[in-house]
């Protein structure tokens, strides 16, 4: 998560725009956040991202563009 947040907004948007790359980035960011901080909501989000990561990645791309952070983060 900290690695992703340290990237410039342009790099974050590019990582979230590419379909397979955004799924991998979403899985890494969401599961690492869950293992670090825990919580039921983070677990549910991590599971959703595991199966629907490409769609969540595109939502996160728009969210990062508008609010400069990941959706539900």
C-alpha atoms as a PDB file:
ATOM      1  CA  UNK A   1       0.000   0.000   0.000  1.00  0.00           C
ATOM      2  CA  UNK A   2       2.751   2.452   0.870  1.00  0.00           C
ATOM      3  CA  UNK A   3       4.536   1.641  -2.391  1.00  0.00           C
ATOM      4  CA  UNK A   4       1.392   2.462  -4.356  1.00  0.00           C
ATOM      5  CA  UNK A   5       0.785   5.693  -2.440  1.00  0.00           C
ATOM      6  CA  UNK A   6       4.374   6.842  -3.037  1.00  0.00           C
ATOM      7  CA  UNK A   7       3.917   6.695  -6.802  1.00  0.00           C
ATOM      8  CA  UNK A   8       2.895   9.795  -8.735  1.00  0.00           C
ATOM      9  CA  UNK A   9      -0.768  10.123  -9.670  1.00  0.00           C
ATOM     10  CA  UNK A  10       0.098   9.471 -13.306  1.00  0.00           C
ATOM     11  CA  UNK A  11       1.813   6.167 -12.489  1.00  0.00           C
ATOM     12  CA  UNK A  12      -1.094   5.165 -10.239  1.00  0.00           C
ATOM     13  CA  UNK A  13      -3.593   5.895 -13.006  1.00  0.00           C
ATOM     14  CA  UNK A  14      -1.560   3.986 -15.587  1.00  0.00           C
ATOM     15  CA  UNK A  15      -1.289   0.973 -13.253  1.00  0.00           C
ATOM     16  CA  UNK A  16      -5.053   1.026 -12.712  1.00  0.00           C
ATOM     17  CA  UNK A  17      -5.935   1.489 -16.399  1.00  0.00           C
ATOM     18  CA  UNK A  18      -4.201  -1.617 -17.756  1.00  0.00           C
ATOM     19  CA  UNK A  19      -6.643  -4.538 -17.242  1.00  0.00           C
ATOM     20  CA  UNK A  20      -4.403  -7.365 -15.995  1.00  0.00           C
ATOM     21  CA  UNK A  21      -1.982  -5.040 -14.238  1.00  0.00           C
ATOM     22  CA  UNK A  22      -4.780  -3.332 -12.311  1.00  0.00           C
ATOM     23  CA  UNK A  23      -6.042  -6.693 -11.055  1.00  0.00           C
ATOM     24  CA  UNK A  24      -2.570  -7.643  -9.790  1.00  0.00           C
ATOM     25  CA  UNK A  25      -2.045  -4.223  -8.197  1.00  0.00           C
ATOM     26  CA  UNK A  26      -5.478  -4.375  -6.551  1.00  0.00           C
ATOM     27  CA  UNK A  27      -4.822  -7.838  -5.124  1.00  0.00           C
ATOM     28  CA  UNK A  28      -1.411  -6.874  -3.753  1.00  0.00           C
ATOM     29  CA  UNK A  29      -2.583  -3.573  -2.269  1.00  0.00           C
ATOM     30  CA  UNK A  30      -5.846  -4.864  -0.772  1.00  0.00           C
ATOM     31  CA  UNK A  31      -4.472  -8.105   0.702  1.00  0.00           C
ATOM     32  CA  UNK A  32      -1.353  -6.436   2.114  1.00  0.00           C
ATOM     33  CA  UNK A  33      -3.552  -3.810   3.769  1.00  0.00           C
ATOM     34  CA  UNK A  34      -5.785  -6.522   5.206  1.00  0.00           C
ATOM     35  CA  UNK A  35      -2.842  -8.507   6.587  1.00  0.00           C
ATOM     36  CA  UNK A  36      -1.290  -5.369   8.050  1.00  0.00           C
ATOM     37  CA  UNK A  37      -4.399  -3.737   9.573  1.00  0.00           C
ATOM     38  CA  UNK A  38      -7.034  -6.495   9.598  1.00  0.00           C
ATOM     39  CA  UNK A  39     -10.762  -5.896   9.791  1.00  0.00           C
ATOM     40  CA  UNK A  40     -13.916  -7.441   8.388  1.00  0.00           C
ATOM     41  CA  UNK A  41     -14.504  -4.717   5.794  1.00  0.00           C
ATOM     42  CA  UNK A  42     -10.957  -5.052   4.441  1.00  0.00           C
ATOM     43  CA  UNK A  43     -11.417  -8.831   4.238  1.00  0.00           C
ATOM     44  CA  UNK A  44     -14.623  -8.475   2.227  1.00  0.00           C
ATOM     45  CA  UNK A  45     -13.028  -5.923  -0.086  1.00  0.00           C
ATOM     46  CA  UNK A  46      -9.994  -8.183  -0.558  1.00  0.00           C
ATOM     47  CA  UNK A  47     -12.208 -11.110  -1.477  1.00  0.00           C
ATOM     48  CA  UNK A  48     -14.250  -9.018  -3.918  1.00  0.00           C
ATOM     49  CA  UNK A  49     -11.058  -7.727  -5.532  1.00  0.00           C
ATOM     50  CA  UNK A  50      -9.739 -11.264  -5.888  1.00  0.00           C
ATOM     51  CA  UNK A  51     -12.696 -12.257  -8.064  1.00  0.00           C
ATOM     52  CA  UNK A  52     -13.792  -8.939  -9.611  1.00  0.00           C
ATOM     53  CA  UNK A  53     -10.489  -7.074  -9.501  1.00  0.00           C
ATOM     54  CA  UNK A  54     -10.526  -5.730 -13.049  1.00  0.00           C
ATOM     55  CA  UNK A  55     -13.821  -3.897 -12.509  1.00  0.00           C
ATOM     56  CA  UNK A  56     -12.816  -2.637  -9.077  1.00  0.00           C
ATOM     57  CA  UNK A  57      -9.526  -1.493 -10.591  1.00  0.00           C
ATOM     58  CA  UNK A  58     -11.336   0.720 -13.075  1.00  0.00           C
ATOM     59  CA  UNK A  59     -13.507   2.139 -10.288  1.00  0.00           C
ATOM     60  CA  UNK A  60     -10.327   2.789  -8.308  1.00  0.00           C
ATOM     61  CA  UNK A  61      -8.773   4.495 -11.339  1.00  0.00           C
ATOM     62  CA  UNK A  62     -11.626   7.011 -11.425  1.00  0.00           C
ATOM     63  CA  UNK A  63     -11.545   7.324  -7.630  1.00  0.00           C
ATOM     64  CA  UNK A  64      -7.779   8.044  -7.636  1.00  0.00           C
ATOM     65  CA  UNK A  65      -8.315  10.633 -10.347  1.00  0.00           C
ATOM     66  CA  UNK A  66     -11.013  12.405  -8.328  1.00  0.00           C
ATOM     67  CA  UNK A  67      -9.977  11.912  -4.689  1.00  0.00           C
ATOM     68  CA  UNK A  68      -6.281  10.863  -4.809  1.00  0.00           C
ATOM     69  CA  UNK A  69      -6.858   7.630  -2.864  1.00  0.00           C
ATOM     70  CA  UNK A  70      -8.248   4.159  -3.474  1.00  0.00           C
ATOM     71  CA  UNK A  71     -11.945   3.455  -3.083  1.00  0.00           C
ATOM     72  CA  UNK A  72     -12.805   2.226   0.447  1.00  0.00           C
ATOM     73  CA  UNK A  73      -9.229   2.633   1.591  1.00  0.00           C
END
